[in-house]
């Protein structure tokens, strides 16, 4: 049993919810953040008994206030999983400034805000695990996703730099690079397009959220302390770095 506390942003739906349940099964104290869909969040809370805290990770002041409340009510955070993310897809010429900023703020800036809120307490304890969710499109690019691809590429750069800054303090910082995972985010993609995507994946299927959760658990483990600054690809062989 771990006994350590993990905070997962965007942790009441999709990959975040599955990851939260996986940590709970391993004996972690789990806290999930969310910002939209109160009904889904409360359903998740009722199902799992995992405490939920609502704030917008794109707002630095909300991040500080939210984490401060968790520290007061739950205790120090040992593991941070920066999972929250959105998409606002358009080609560059059709993409609005608001769509660009929304994705950059939620998918990239939030990682900076959240890491800043927990890093001091992790340094004081001499232990910490930070896992940031990037994406395959952060290394390959994707038509109609200049904002999302830029944000996810930025997550990888942030991860490497913060890993260098914290390695001597007992803190590891790593990224996960999911490929195409069967979640709500893919539900808007036409079936024929999905079929074409699957044909490009060497294992010939979409990934499952549970497979991302297992990778996150591996990097969060105390025994993974010699792994830092890495980007772990979980994409069925679609991209090999």
C-alpha atoms as a PDB file:
ATOM      1  CA  UNK A   1       0.000   0.000   0.000  1.00  0.00           C
ATOM      2  CA  UNK A   2       1.419   3.364  -1.023  1.00  0.00           C
ATOM      3  CA  UNK A   3      -0.124   5.804   1.441  1.00  0.00           C
ATOM      4  CA  UNK A   4       1.014   8.675  -0.770  1.00  0.00           C
ATOM      5  CA  UNK A   5      -1.306  11.392  -2.073  1.00  0.00           C
ATOM      6  CA  UNK A   6      -1.846  11.941  -5.783  1.00  0.00           C
ATOM      7  CA  UNK A   7      -3.615  14.900  -7.401  1.00  0.00           C
ATOM      8  CA  UNK A   8      -4.972  14.404 -10.917  1.00  0.00           C
ATOM      9  CA  UNK A   9      -6.166  17.379 -12.935  1.00  0.00           C
ATOM     10  CA  UNK A  10      -9.072  16.646 -15.247  1.00  0.00           C
ATOM     11  CA  UNK A  11      -9.478  13.622 -13.009  1.00  0.00           C
ATOM     12  CA  UNK A  12     -13.195  12.839 -13.136  1.00  0.00           C
ATOM     13  CA  UNK A  13     -13.596  11.797 -16.782  1.00  0.00           C
ATOM     14  CA  UNK A  14     -11.750   9.849 -19.470  1.00  0.00           C
ATOM     15  CA  UNK A  15      -8.098   9.021 -18.889  1.00  0.00           C
ATOM     16  CA  UNK A  16      -8.095  11.056 -15.680  1.00  0.00           C
ATOM     17  CA  UNK A  17     -10.944   9.100 -14.101  1.00  0.00           C
ATOM     18  CA  UNK A  18      -9.467   5.743 -15.084  1.00  0.00           C
ATOM     19  CA  UNK A  19      -6.092   6.817 -13.708  1.00  0.00           C
ATOM     20  CA  UNK A  20      -7.660   7.985 -10.444  1.00  0.00           C
ATOM     21  CA  UNK A  21      -9.310   4.587  -9.956  1.00  0.00           C
ATOM     22  CA  UNK A  22      -6.028   2.806 -10.747  1.00  0.00           C
ATOM     23  CA  UNK A  23      -4.155   4.824  -8.116  1.00  0.00           C
ATOM     24  CA  UNK A  24      -6.928   4.151  -5.601  1.00  0.00           C
ATOM     25  CA  UNK A  25      -6.612   0.402  -6.172  1.00  0.00           C
ATOM     26  CA  UNK A  26      -2.880   0.672  -5.447  1.00  0.00           C
ATOM     27  CA  UNK A  27      -3.508   2.277  -2.067  1.00  0.00           C
ATOM     28  CA  UNK A  28      -2.862   5.924  -2.891  1.00  0.00           C
ATOM     29  CA  UNK A  29      -4.908   8.754  -1.408  1.00  0.00           C
ATOM     30  CA  UNK A  30      -6.426  10.236  -4.561  1.00  0.00           C
ATOM     31  CA  UNK A  31      -7.748  13.733  -5.193  1.00  0.00           C
ATOM     32  CA  UNK A  32      -9.317  14.720  -8.516  1.00  0.00           C
ATOM     33  CA  UNK A  33      -9.698  18.188 -10.000  1.00  0.00           C
ATOM     34  CA  UNK A  34     -12.302  19.188 -12.584  1.00  0.00           C
ATOM     35  CA  UNK A  35     -13.864  22.354 -13.974  1.00  0.00           C
ATOM     36  CA  UNK A  36     -16.821  21.379 -16.204  1.00  0.00           C
ATOM     37  CA  UNK A  37     -19.691  18.901 -15.941  1.00  0.00           C
ATOM     38  CA  UNK A  38     -20.761  18.909 -12.306  1.00  0.00           C
ATOM     39  CA  UNK A  39     -23.065  15.954 -12.922  1.00  0.00           C
ATOM     40  CA  UNK A  40     -20.273  13.701 -14.205  1.00  0.00           C
ATOM     41  CA  UNK A  41     -17.970  14.836 -11.401  1.00  0.00           C
ATOM     42  CA  UNK A  42     -20.529  14.074  -8.710  1.00  0.00           C
ATOM     43  CA  UNK A  43     -21.252  10.691 -10.291  1.00  0.00           C
ATOM     44  CA  UNK A  44     -17.520   9.943 -10.192  1.00  0.00           C
ATOM     45  CA  UNK A  45     -17.418  11.052  -6.535  1.00  0.00           C
ATOM     46  CA  UNK A  46     -20.371   8.826  -5.635  1.00  0.00           C
ATOM     47  CA  UNK A  47     -18.839   5.838  -7.408  1.00  0.00           C
ATOM     48  CA  UNK A  48     -15.318   6.126  -6.014  1.00  0.00           C
ATOM     49  CA  UNK A  49     -15.529   8.267  -2.834  1.00  0.00           C
ATOM     50  CA  UNK A  50     -12.552  10.186  -4.242  1.00  0.00           C
ATOM     51  CA  UNK A  51     -12.590  13.852  -3.111  1.00  0.00           C
ATOM     52  CA  UNK A  52     -13.196  16.266  -5.988  1.00  0.00           C
ATOM     53  CA  UNK A  53     -12.137  19.921  -6.181  1.00  0.00           C
ATOM     54  CA  UNK A  54     -13.421  22.314  -8.818  1.00  0.00           C
ATOM     55  CA  UNK A  55     -11.208  24.968 -10.372  1.00  0.00           C
ATOM     56  CA  UNK A  56      -9.942  26.061 -13.783  1.00  0.00           C
ATOM     57  CA  UNK A  57      -6.323  24.970 -14.229  1.00  0.00           C
ATOM     58  CA  UNK A  58      -5.913  27.705 -16.872  1.00  0.00           C
ATOM     59  CA  UNK A  59      -6.205  30.257 -14.028  1.00  0.00           C
ATOM     60  CA  UNK A  60      -2.979  30.540 -11.965  1.00  0.00           C
ATOM     61  CA  UNK A  61      -4.754  32.072  -8.972  1.00  0.00           C
ATOM     62  CA  UNK A  62      -7.380  29.322  -8.978  1.00  0.00           C
ATOM     63  CA  UNK A  63      -4.591  26.724  -9.058  1.00  0.00           C
ATOM     64  CA  UNK A  64      -2.935  28.237  -5.989  1.00  0.00           C
ATOM     65  CA  UNK A  65      -6.224  28.471  -4.106  1.00  0.00           C
ATOM     66  CA  UNK A  66      -7.273  24.948  -5.071  1.00  0.00           C
ATOM     67  CA  UNK A  67      -4.011  23.343  -4.022  1.00  0.00           C
ATOM     68  CA  UNK A  68      -3.946  25.349  -0.795  1.00  0.00           C
ATOM     69  CA  UNK A  69      -7.376  23.947   0.054  1.00  0.00           C
ATOM     70  CA  UNK A  70      -6.179  20.400  -0.655  1.00  0.00           C
ATOM     71  CA  UNK A  71      -3.101  20.922   1.537  1.00  0.00           C
ATOM     72  CA  UNK A  72      -5.359  22.110   4.371  1.00  0.00           C
ATOM     73  CA  UNK A  73      -7.960  19.357   4.002  1.00  0.00           C
ATOM     74  CA  UNK A  74      -6.022  16.346   2.687  1.00  0.00           C
ATOM     75  CA  UNK A  75      -2.304  16.996   3.204  1.00  0.00           C
ATOM     76  CA  UNK A  76       0.845  17.287   1.123  1.00  0.00           C
ATOM     77  CA  UNK A  77       0.758  16.157  -2.505  1.00  0.00           C
ATOM     78  CA  UNK A  78       3.343  13.505  -3.365  1.00  0.00           C
ATOM     79  CA  UNK A  79       2.321  12.860  -6.973  1.00  0.00           C
ATOM     80  CA  UNK A  80       0.947  15.376  -9.474  1.00  0.00           C
ATOM     81  CA  UNK A  81      -0.604  14.178 -12.723  1.00  0.00           C
ATOM     82  CA  UNK A  82      -1.203  17.059 -15.142  1.00  0.00           C
ATOM     83  CA  UNK A  83      -3.904  15.470 -17.245  1.00  0.00           C
ATOM     84  CA  UNK A  84      -6.382  18.293 -17.940  1.00  0.00           C
ATOM     85  CA  UNK A  85      -6.668  19.224 -21.592  1.00  0.00           C
ATOM     86  CA  UNK A  86      -8.993  20.519 -24.277  1.00  0.00           C
ATOM     87  CA  UNK A  87      -9.061  20.774 -28.069  1.00  0.00           C
ATOM     88  CA  UNK A  88     -10.298  23.591 -30.294  1.00  0.00           C
ATOM     89  CA  UNK A  89      -9.514  22.323 -33.781  1.00  0.00           C
ATOM     90  CA  UNK A  90      -9.275  24.477 -36.907  1.00  0.00           C
ATOM     91  CA  UNK A  91      -6.684  25.129 -39.555  1.00  0.00           C
ATOM     92  CA  UNK A  92      -4.457  28.070 -38.648  1.00  0.00           C
ATOM     93  CA  UNK A  93      -6.222  30.510 -40.975  1.00  0.00           C
ATOM     94  CA  UNK A  94      -9.611  29.719 -39.422  1.00  0.00           C
ATOM     95  CA  UNK A  95      -8.429  29.432 -35.823  1.00  0.00           C
ATOM     96  CA  UNK A  96      -9.405  32.344 -33.608  1.00  0.00           C
ATOM     97  CA  UNK A  97      -7.094  33.975 -31.091  1.00  0.00           C
ATOM     98  CA  UNK A  98      -9.468  32.759 -28.370  1.00  0.00           C
ATOM     99  CA  UNK A  99      -9.186  29.153 -29.578  1.00  0.00           C
ATOM    100  CA  UNK A 100      -5.389  29.409 -29.632  1.00  0.00           C
ATOM    101  CA  UNK A 101      -5.194  30.887 -26.151  1.00  0.00           C
ATOM    102  CA  UNK A 102      -7.744  28.510 -24.633  1.00  0.00           C
ATOM    103  CA  UNK A 103      -5.755  25.436 -25.652  1.00  0.00           C
ATOM    104  CA  UNK A 104      -2.340  26.872 -24.782  1.00  0.00           C
ATOM    105  CA  UNK A 105      -3.575  28.023 -21.378  1.00  0.00           C
ATOM    106  CA  UNK A 106      -5.386  24.791 -20.469  1.00  0.00           C
ATOM    107  CA  UNK A 107      -2.981  22.251 -21.974  1.00  0.00           C
ATOM    108  CA  UNK A 108       0.408  23.915 -21.400  1.00  0.00           C
ATOM    109  CA  UNK A 109       0.288  26.885 -19.035  1.00  0.00           C
ATOM    110  CA  UNK A 110      -1.679  24.802 -16.538  1.00  0.00           C
ATOM    111  CA  UNK A 111       1.295  22.440 -16.200  1.00  0.00           C
ATOM    112  CA  UNK A 112       3.479  25.393 -15.225  1.00  0.00           C
ATOM    113  CA  UNK A 113       0.893  26.718 -12.767  1.00  0.00           C
ATOM    114  CA  UNK A 114       0.291  23.355 -11.126  1.00  0.00           C
ATOM    115  CA  UNK A 115       3.966  22.425 -10.878  1.00  0.00           C
ATOM    116  CA  UNK A 116       4.681  25.740  -9.177  1.00  0.00           C
ATOM    117  CA  UNK A 117       2.024  25.057  -6.551  1.00  0.00           C
ATOM    118  CA  UNK A 118       3.475  21.704  -5.420  1.00  0.00           C
ATOM    119  CA  UNK A 119       7.202  21.942  -6.048  1.00  0.00           C
ATOM    120  CA  UNK A 120       8.190  23.595  -2.761  1.00  0.00           C
ATOM    121  CA  UNK A 121       6.475  21.005  -0.574  1.00  0.00           C
ATOM    122  CA  UNK A 122       7.968  18.203  -2.671  1.00  0.00           C
ATOM    123  CA  UNK A 123      11.450  19.681  -2.192  1.00  0.00           C
ATOM    124  CA  UNK A 124      10.884  19.912   1.555  1.00  0.00           C
ATOM    125  CA  UNK A 125       9.918  16.227   1.693  1.00  0.00           C
ATOM    126  CA  UNK A 126      12.721  15.187  -0.624  1.00  0.00           C
ATOM    127  CA  UNK A 127      10.273  13.250  -2.758  1.00  0.00           C
ATOM    128  CA  UNK A 128       7.921  13.985  -5.621  1.00  0.00           C
ATOM    129  CA  UNK A 129       6.584  12.573  -8.841  1.00  0.00           C
ATOM    130  CA  UNK A 130       5.223  14.807 -11.607  1.00  0.00           C
ATOM    131  CA  UNK A 131       3.717  13.207 -14.699  1.00  0.00           C
ATOM    132  CA  UNK A 132       2.602  15.493 -17.534  1.00  0.00           C
ATOM    133  CA  UNK A 133       0.281  14.335 -20.298  1.00  0.00           C
ATOM    134  CA  UNK A 134       1.614  15.242 -23.723  1.00  0.00           C
ATOM    135  CA  UNK A 135       0.412  13.651 -26.985  1.00  0.00           C
ATOM    136  CA  UNK A 136       1.691  11.948 -30.100  1.00  0.00           C
ATOM    137  CA  UNK A 137       0.739  15.097 -32.023  1.00  0.00           C
ATOM    138  CA  UNK A 138       3.227  17.049 -29.916  1.00  0.00           C
ATOM    139  CA  UNK A 139       6.008  15.264 -31.818  1.00  0.00           C
ATOM    140  CA  UNK A 140       4.347  14.508 -35.169  1.00  0.00           C
ATOM    141  CA  UNK A 141       2.041  17.496 -35.645  1.00  0.00           C
ATOM    142  CA  UNK A 142      -1.553  17.152 -36.811  1.00  0.00           C
ATOM    143  CA  UNK A 143      -3.570  18.881 -39.517  1.00  0.00           C
ATOM    144  CA  UNK A 144      -5.953  21.396 -37.922  1.00  0.00           C
ATOM    145  CA  UNK A 145      -4.277  21.273 -34.507  1.00  0.00           C
ATOM    146  CA  UNK A 146      -1.551  23.908 -34.483  1.00  0.00           C
ATOM    147  CA  UNK A 147      -2.692  25.004 -31.020  1.00  0.00           C
ATOM    148  CA  UNK A 148      -2.943  21.501 -29.526  1.00  0.00           C
ATOM    149  CA  UNK A 149       0.290  20.286 -31.141  1.00  0.00           C
ATOM    150  CA  UNK A 150       2.177  23.371 -29.962  1.00  0.00           C
ATOM    151  CA  UNK A 151       0.851  22.958 -26.418  1.00  0.00           C
ATOM    152  CA  UNK A 152       1.730  19.275 -26.239  1.00  0.00           C
ATOM    153  CA  UNK A 153       5.203  19.886 -27.679  1.00  0.00           C
ATOM    154  CA  UNK A 154       5.641  22.562 -25.032  1.00  0.00           C
ATOM    155  CA  UNK A 155       4.721  20.065 -22.321  1.00  0.00           C
ATOM    156  CA  UNK A 156       7.668  17.910 -23.375  1.00  0.00           C
ATOM    157  CA  UNK A 157      10.067  20.864 -23.199  1.00  0.00           C
ATOM    158  CA  UNK A 158       8.712  21.924 -19.810  1.00  0.00           C
ATOM    159  CA  UNK A 159       9.099  18.353 -18.552  1.00  0.00           C
ATOM    160  CA  UNK A 160      12.742  18.080 -19.560  1.00  0.00           C
ATOM    161  CA  UNK A 161      13.721  21.440 -18.106  1.00  0.00           C
ATOM    162  CA  UNK A 162      11.910  20.936 -14.802  1.00  0.00           C
ATOM    163  CA  UNK A 163      13.428  17.466 -14.508  1.00  0.00           C
ATOM    164  CA  UNK A 164      16.892  19.026 -14.639  1.00  0.00           C
ATOM    165  CA  UNK A 165      15.944  21.568 -11.989  1.00  0.00           C
ATOM    166  CA  UNK A 166      14.543  19.008  -9.538  1.00  0.00           C
ATOM    167  CA  UNK A 167      16.532  15.816 -10.081  1.00  0.00           C
ATOM    168  CA  UNK A 168      18.815  16.369  -7.087  1.00  0.00           C
ATOM    169  CA  UNK A 169      15.816  16.978  -4.795  1.00  0.00           C
ATOM    170  CA  UNK A 170      14.274  13.517  -5.065  1.00  0.00           C
ATOM    171  CA  UNK A 171      11.678  14.709  -7.579  1.00  0.00           C
ATOM    172  CA  UNK A 172      11.197  13.129 -10.980  1.00  0.00           C
ATOM    173  CA  UNK A 173       9.355  14.823 -13.844  1.00  0.00           C
ATOM    174  CA  UNK A 174       8.261  12.765 -16.822  1.00  0.00           C
ATOM    175  CA  UNK A 175       5.751  12.951 -19.660  1.00  0.00           C
ATOM    176  CA  UNK A 176       3.391  10.448 -21.215  1.00  0.00           C
ATOM    177  CA  UNK A 177       2.847  10.600 -24.967  1.00  0.00           C
ATOM    178  CA  UNK A 178      -0.492   8.912 -25.669  1.00  0.00           C
ATOM    179  CA  UNK A 179      -1.405   7.994 -29.190  1.00  0.00           C
ATOM    180  CA  UNK A 180      -5.030   7.712 -30.257  1.00  0.00           C
ATOM    181  CA  UNK A 181      -6.927   6.556 -27.174  1.00  0.00           C
ATOM    182  CA  UNK A 182     -10.573   5.484 -27.082  1.00  0.00           C
ATOM    183  CA  UNK A 183     -12.050   8.380 -25.087  1.00  0.00           C
ATOM    184  CA  UNK A 184     -14.721  11.047 -25.483  1.00  0.00           C
ATOM    185  CA  UNK A 185     -12.153  13.232 -27.266  1.00  0.00           C
ATOM    186  CA  UNK A 186     -12.318  10.873 -30.259  1.00  0.00           C
ATOM    187  CA  UNK A 187     -16.110  10.631 -30.251  1.00  0.00           C
ATOM    188  CA  UNK A 188     -16.489  13.555 -32.657  1.00  0.00           C
ATOM    189  CA  UNK A 189     -14.216  12.007 -35.290  1.00  0.00           C
ATOM    190  CA  UNK A 190     -16.157  10.421 -38.198  1.00  0.00           C
ATOM    191  CA  UNK A 191     -16.063   6.619 -38.273  1.00  0.00           C
ATOM    192  CA  UNK A 192     -14.288   6.503 -41.647  1.00  0.00           C
ATOM    193  CA  UNK A 193     -11.588   8.830 -40.360  1.00  0.00           C
ATOM    194  CA  UNK A 194     -11.111   6.660 -37.276  1.00  0.00           C
ATOM    195  CA  UNK A 195     -10.771   3.586 -39.473  1.00  0.00           C
ATOM    196  CA  UNK A 196      -8.054   5.353 -41.464  1.00  0.00           C
ATOM    197  CA  UNK A 197      -6.251   6.261 -38.229  1.00  0.00           C
ATOM    198  CA  UNK A 198      -6.377   2.657 -36.982  1.00  0.00           C
ATOM    199  CA  UNK A 199      -4.852   1.486 -40.270  1.00  0.00           C
ATOM    200  CA  UNK A 200      -1.823   3.687 -39.520  1.00  0.00           C
ATOM    201  CA  UNK A 201      -1.330   2.155 -36.060  1.00  0.00           C
ATOM    202  CA  UNK A 202       0.967  -0.895 -36.200  1.00  0.00           C
ATOM    203  CA  UNK A 203      -1.020  -2.780 -33.517  1.00  0.00           C
ATOM    204  CA  UNK A 204      -4.194  -2.068 -35.542  1.00  0.00           C
ATOM    205  CA  UNK A 205      -6.374  -0.714 -32.760  1.00  0.00           C
ATOM    206  CA  UNK A 206      -6.998   2.338 -30.618  1.00  0.00           C
ATOM    207  CA  UNK A 207      -5.436   2.480 -27.182  1.00  0.00           C
ATOM    208  CA  UNK A 208      -7.400   2.097 -23.955  1.00  0.00           C
ATOM    209  CA  UNK A 209      -7.353   4.600 -21.066  1.00  0.00           C
ATOM    210  CA  UNK A 210      -6.241   1.794 -18.763  1.00  0.00           C
ATOM    211  CA  UNK A 211      -3.027   1.478 -20.771  1.00  0.00           C
ATOM    212  CA  UNK A 212      -2.210   5.132 -20.164  1.00  0.00           C
ATOM    213  CA  UNK A 213      -3.059   4.725 -16.475  1.00  0.00           C
ATOM    214  CA  UNK A 214      -0.597   1.838 -16.144  1.00  0.00           C
ATOM    215  CA  UNK A 215       2.177   3.949 -17.658  1.00  0.00           C
ATOM    216  CA  UNK A 216       1.408   6.784 -15.240  1.00  0.00           C
ATOM    217  CA  UNK A 217       1.444   4.403 -12.270  1.00  0.00           C
ATOM    218  CA  UNK A 218       4.832   3.078 -13.376  1.00  0.00           C
ATOM    219  CA  UNK A 219       6.384   6.546 -13.456  1.00  0.00           C
ATOM    220  CA  UNK A 220       4.779   7.482 -10.121  1.00  0.00           C
ATOM    221  CA  UNK A 221       6.225   4.488  -8.300  1.00  0.00           C
ATOM    222  CA  UNK A 222       8.969   5.043  -5.711  1.00  0.00           C
ATOM    223  CA  UNK A 223      11.083   2.489  -7.557  1.00  0.00           C
ATOM    224  CA  UNK A 224      11.060   4.628 -10.725  1.00  0.00           C
ATOM    225  CA  UNK A 225      13.320   7.236  -9.155  1.00  0.00           C
ATOM    226  CA  UNK A 226      16.103   6.844 -11.749  1.00  0.00           C
ATOM    227  CA  UNK A 227      13.763   7.837 -14.595  1.00  0.00           C
ATOM    228  CA  UNK A 228      13.355  11.569 -15.124  1.00  0.00           C
ATOM    229  CA  UNK A 229      13.031  13.954 -18.045  1.00  0.00           C
ATOM    230  CA  UNK A 230      11.676  11.171 -20.236  1.00  0.00           C
ATOM    231  CA  UNK A 231       8.689  11.020 -22.553  1.00  0.00           C
ATOM    232  CA  UNK A 232       7.081   7.581 -22.480  1.00  0.00           C
ATOM    233  CA  UNK A 233       5.252   6.883 -25.751  1.00  0.00           C
ATOM    234  CA  UNK A 234       2.105   4.776 -25.454  1.00  0.00           C
ATOM    235  CA  UNK A 235       0.864   4.819 -29.030  1.00  0.00           C
ATOM    236  CA  UNK A 236       0.809   1.276 -30.429  1.00  0.00           C
ATOM    237  CA  UNK A 237       3.975   1.895 -32.445  1.00  0.00           C
ATOM    238  CA  UNK A 238       2.472   4.765 -34.435  1.00  0.00           C
ATOM    239  CA  UNK A 239       5.474   6.950 -33.641  1.00  0.00           C
ATOM    240  CA  UNK A 240       8.839   5.720 -32.414  1.00  0.00           C
ATOM    241  CA  UNK A 241      11.092   8.466 -31.116  1.00  0.00           C
END
